[in-house]
Amino acid sequence: MRLRRALLASFAGLLLAGGASAQLKDENLLQGMPAGYKIGFQERQGPIILTEMVPESESVEEWTEMVSSQLFIGLKSVSPETFRAESRKKWLEACKDGNFAEIASGEESGYPMALWMLSCPHSKAPGRPEITWFKAIRGQDAFYVVQKSFRFEPSNEQVQQSMRYLRQISVCDTRIPQRACPVIKPPEAEAARN
């Protein structure tokens, strides 16, 4: 089911996997691309940027796993808890026998965050469930949402791997020393070091 699009308008961020050559400036979402994934779709509509990543052999039209990232530029008035409550409401309206689980909420690196799961036993892909874990972070400049979705019942190892992936996603800000961003080394400097 394309619930993730119905719930969340859009995002993108900084993909650190593959090496960036420019230094980070201001506030940034620190998110790597999962191994074996590619960017399948990227779009900006006004203050909203969306990136969808799928396994190399899949597309955003036909996928079994997907990572979606949304960046809402300038959205600072919504808390992760409010966003979670609204996404839960809309998901369960669209999927009457869906499920919700709150996983974590609080602060990470000085930013409010929430982590939760929503599932639906039937998606637009006939006969397939959709299970999605969400991580929302409210920054100073934007609101960030990253989702990891499956169109099958993931194994315990896949769930643990998804949780590790989502937990390492964070926001940094070059303007705030306590939230400093990492220094990005150009790929050639990294190769020379090895």
Protein backbone atom coordinates (compact mmCIF):
# COMPACT_ATOMS: atom_id res chain seq x y z
CA MET A 1 0.00 0.00 0.00
CA ARG A 2 1.35 3.46 -0.83
CA LEU A 3 0.48 4.54 2.72
CA ARG A 4 3.86 6.21 3.17
CA ARG A 5 3.02 8.66 0.35
CA ALA A 6 -0.44 9.30 1.74
CA LEU A 7 1.05 9.94 5.18
CA LEU A 8 4.13 11.93 4.35
CA ALA A 9 4.36 14.42 1.55
CA SER A 10 8.14 14.26 0.94
CA PHE A 11 12.04 14.50 1.90
CA ALA A 12 15.71 14.03 1.10
CA GLY A 13 18.83 14.73 3.01
CA LEU A 14 22.45 14.20 2.93
CA LEU A 15 23.48 10.76 1.77
CA LEU A 16 26.91 10.16 3.19
CA ALA A 17 27.37 6.72 1.63
CA GLY A 18 29.58 6.93 -1.41
CA GLY A 19 31.61 9.86 -0.06
CA ALA A 20 30.78 13.53 -0.26
CA SER A 21 33.35 16.02 -1.47
CA ALA A 22 31.84 19.22 0.00
CA GLN A 23 31.96 20.10 3.67
CA LEU A 24 28.71 20.22 5.57
CA LYS A 25 27.22 23.63 6.29
CA ASP A 26 24.45 24.63 8.72
CA GLU A 27 21.93 21.89 9.69
CA ASN A 28 22.15 18.46 8.02
CA LEU A 29 20.49 15.08 8.17
CA LEU A 30 23.18 12.42 8.51
CA GLN A 31 21.89 9.39 6.67
CA GLY A 32 23.79 6.74 4.78
CA MET A 33 22.43 4.72 1.91
CA PRO A 34 21.86 1.09 2.93
CA ALA A 35 24.26 -1.38 1.29
CA GLY A 36 22.85 -2.74 -1.95
CA TYR A 37 20.39 0.16 -2.39
CA LYS A 38 20.06 2.89 -5.03
CA ILE A 39 18.13 6.15 -5.22
CA GLY A 40 14.97 5.28 -7.14
CA PHE A 41 13.18 8.61 -6.89
CA GLN A 42 14.00 12.14 -5.77
CA GLU A 43 11.79 15.23 -5.96
CA ARG A 44 11.41 18.69 -4.49
CA GLN A 45 8.04 20.39 -4.23
CA GLY A 46 8.44 23.79 -2.62
CA PRO A 47 9.81 23.35 0.91
CA ILE A 48 9.45 19.54 0.78
CA ILE A 49 12.08 17.14 -0.55
CA LEU A 50 11.52 13.40 -0.98
CA THR A 51 14.06 10.66 -1.63
CA GLU A 52 13.10 6.99 -2.07
CA MET A 53 15.80 4.31 -2.02
CA VAL A 54 15.20 0.71 -3.07
CA PRO A 55 17.36 -2.41 -3.48
CA GLU A 56 19.47 -2.32 -6.68
CA SER A 57 17.26 -4.93 -8.40
CA GLU A 58 13.96 -3.15 -7.58
CA SER A 59 12.15 0.05 -8.56
CA VAL A 60 9.91 2.48 -6.67
CA GLU A 61 6.98 1.03 -8.63
CA GLU A 62 7.80 -2.60 -7.76
CA TRP A 63 9.59 -2.93 -4.44
CA THR A 64 9.77 -5.28 -1.48
CA GLU A 65 11.94 -2.97 0.67
CA MET A 66 12.27 0.81 0.63
CA VAL A 67 13.89 3.62 2.61
CA SER A 68 12.10 6.96 2.24
CA SER A 69 13.41 10.24 3.54
CA GLN A 70 11.45 13.47 3.82
CA LEU A 71 12.76 16.94 4.59
CA PHE A 72 10.21 19.61 5.48
CA ILE A 73 12.20 22.86 5.24
CA GLY A 74 11.12 25.49 7.76
CA LEU A 75 8.71 23.20 9.62
CA LYS A 76 9.63 23.81 13.26
CA SER A 77 6.24 23.97 14.95
CA VAL A 78 5.45 20.23 14.85
CA SER A 79 6.84 17.87 17.48
CA PRO A 80 7.84 14.29 16.61
CA GLU A 81 5.07 13.09 18.95
CA THR A 82 2.44 15.17 17.11
CA PHE A 83 3.70 13.89 13.76
CA ARG A 84 3.62 10.31 15.09
CA ALA A 85 0.03 10.72 16.33
CA GLU A 86 -1.13 12.16 13.01
CA SER A 87 0.62 9.46 10.96
CA ARG A 88 -0.90 6.79 13.21
CA LYS A 89 -4.38 8.28 12.76
CA LYS A 90 -4.10 8.49 8.95
CA TRP A 91 -2.51 5.04 8.62
CA LEU A 92 -5.19 3.35 10.72
CA GLU A 93 -7.94 5.21 8.81
CA ALA A 94 -6.48 3.85 5.55
CA CYS A 95 -5.89 0.36 7.00
CA LYS A 96 -8.66 -0.58 9.42
CA ASP A 97 -6.86 -3.69 10.73
CA GLY A 98 -3.43 -2.05 10.92
CA ASN A 99 -1.16 -2.00 13.97
CA PHE A 100 0.91 0.65 15.74
CA ALA A 101 3.84 0.35 18.15
CA GLU A 102 5.71 3.18 19.85
CA ILE A 103 9.41 2.29 20.05
CA ALA A 104 11.20 5.34 21.45
CA SER A 105 10.94 9.07 21.97
CA GLY A 106 13.08 11.72 23.61
CA GLU A 107 16.19 13.59 22.52
CA GLU A 108 19.15 12.62 20.36
CA SER A 109 22.07 15.01 19.96
CA GLY A 110 19.89 17.75 21.44
CA TYR A 111 17.02 17.27 18.97
CA PRO A 112 13.53 15.93 19.79
CA MET A 113 12.90 12.57 18.09
CA ALA A 114 10.41 9.71 17.94
CA LEU A 115 10.65 6.17 16.56
CA TRP A 116 7.56 4.01 15.85
CA MET A 117 6.15 1.22 13.68
CA LEU A 118 2.95 0.96 11.65
CA SER A 119 1.81 -2.13 9.78
CA CYS A 120 -1.02 -3.15 7.48
CA PRO A 121 -1.77 -6.80 6.61
CA HIS A 122 -2.76 -5.85 3.04
CA SER A 123 -1.09 -3.33 0.78
CA LYS A 124 -1.61 -2.21 -2.81
CA ALA A 125 0.76 -5.04 -3.74
CA PRO A 126 -1.86 -7.84 -3.74
CA GLY A 127 -1.48 -10.35 -0.94
CA ARG A 128 1.39 -8.50 0.69
CA PRO A 129 1.57 -6.73 4.04
CA GLU A 130 3.32 -3.40 4.53
CA ILE A 131 5.38 -2.82 7.67
CA THR A 132 7.08 0.55 8.16
CA TRP A 133 9.33 1.92 10.88
CA PHE A 134 9.49 5.71 11.15
CA LYS A 135 12.05 8.02 12.72
CA ALA A 136 11.13 11.71 13.02
CA ILE A 137 13.54 14.43 14.17
CA ARG A 138 12.69 18.11 14.66
CA GLY A 139 15.68 20.26 13.83
CA GLN A 140 16.15 24.01 14.10
CA ASP A 141 15.77 24.52 10.32
CA ALA A 142 13.60 21.59 9.22
CA PHE A 143 11.62 18.53 10.22
CA TYR A 144 13.07 15.17 9.11
CA VAL A 145 11.33 11.80 8.67
CA VAL A 146 13.05 8.58 7.60
CA GLN A 147 11.07 5.39 6.96
CA LYS A 148 12.15 1.78 6.45
CA SER A 149 9.39 -0.27 4.78
CA PHE A 150 8.90 -3.93 3.95
CA ARG A 151 6.22 -5.56 1.81
CA PHE A 152 6.74 -8.88 3.55
CA GLU A 153 7.10 -10.05 7.13
CA PRO A 154 10.77 -9.28 7.89
CA SER A 155 12.91 -11.72 9.84
CA ASN A 156 14.16 -10.79 13.33
CA GLU A 157 17.59 -10.08 11.81
CA GLN A 158 16.04 -7.73 9.22
CA VAL A 159 14.13 -5.92 11.96
CA GLN A 160 17.30 -5.56 14.07
CA GLN A 161 19.26 -4.33 11.04
CA SER A 162 16.52 -1.76 10.31
CA MET A 163 16.57 -0.55 13.92
CA ARG A 164 20.37 -0.16 13.81
CA TYR A 165 20.05 1.80 10.56
CA LEU A 166 17.36 4.13 11.93
CA ARG A 167 19.14 4.66 15.25
CA GLN A 168 22.32 5.86 13.52
CA ILE A 169 20.43 8.55 11.56
CA SER A 170 20.93 11.93 13.20
CA VAL A 171 20.95 15.69 12.65
CA CYS A 172 23.99 17.93 13.09
CA ASP A 173 24.59 21.67 12.80
CA THR A 174 27.89 23.37 11.96
CA ARG A 175 26.68 26.52 13.77
CA ILE A 176 26.27 24.80 17.16
CA PRO A 177 29.45 23.35 18.70
CA GLN A 178 27.52 20.79 20.82
CA ARG A 179 25.83 19.50 17.63
CA ALA A 180 28.85 19.77 15.32
CA CYS A 181 28.85 17.92 12.02
CA PRO A 182 31.57 15.44 11.10
CA VAL A 183 34.37 16.57 8.82
CA ILE A 184 33.95 14.97 5.40
CA LYS A 185 37.16 13.83 3.79
CA PRO A 186 37.29 13.87 -0.01
CA PRO A 187 37.35 10.35 -1.51
CA GLU A 188 40.91 10.87 -2.81
CA ALA A 189 42.17 11.79 0.68
CA GLU A 190 40.53 8.68 2.11
CA ALA A 191 42.09 6.49 -0.63
CA ALA A 192 45.55 7.99 0.00
CA ARG A 193 45.23 7.24 3.72
CA ASN A 194 44.50 3.55 3.08
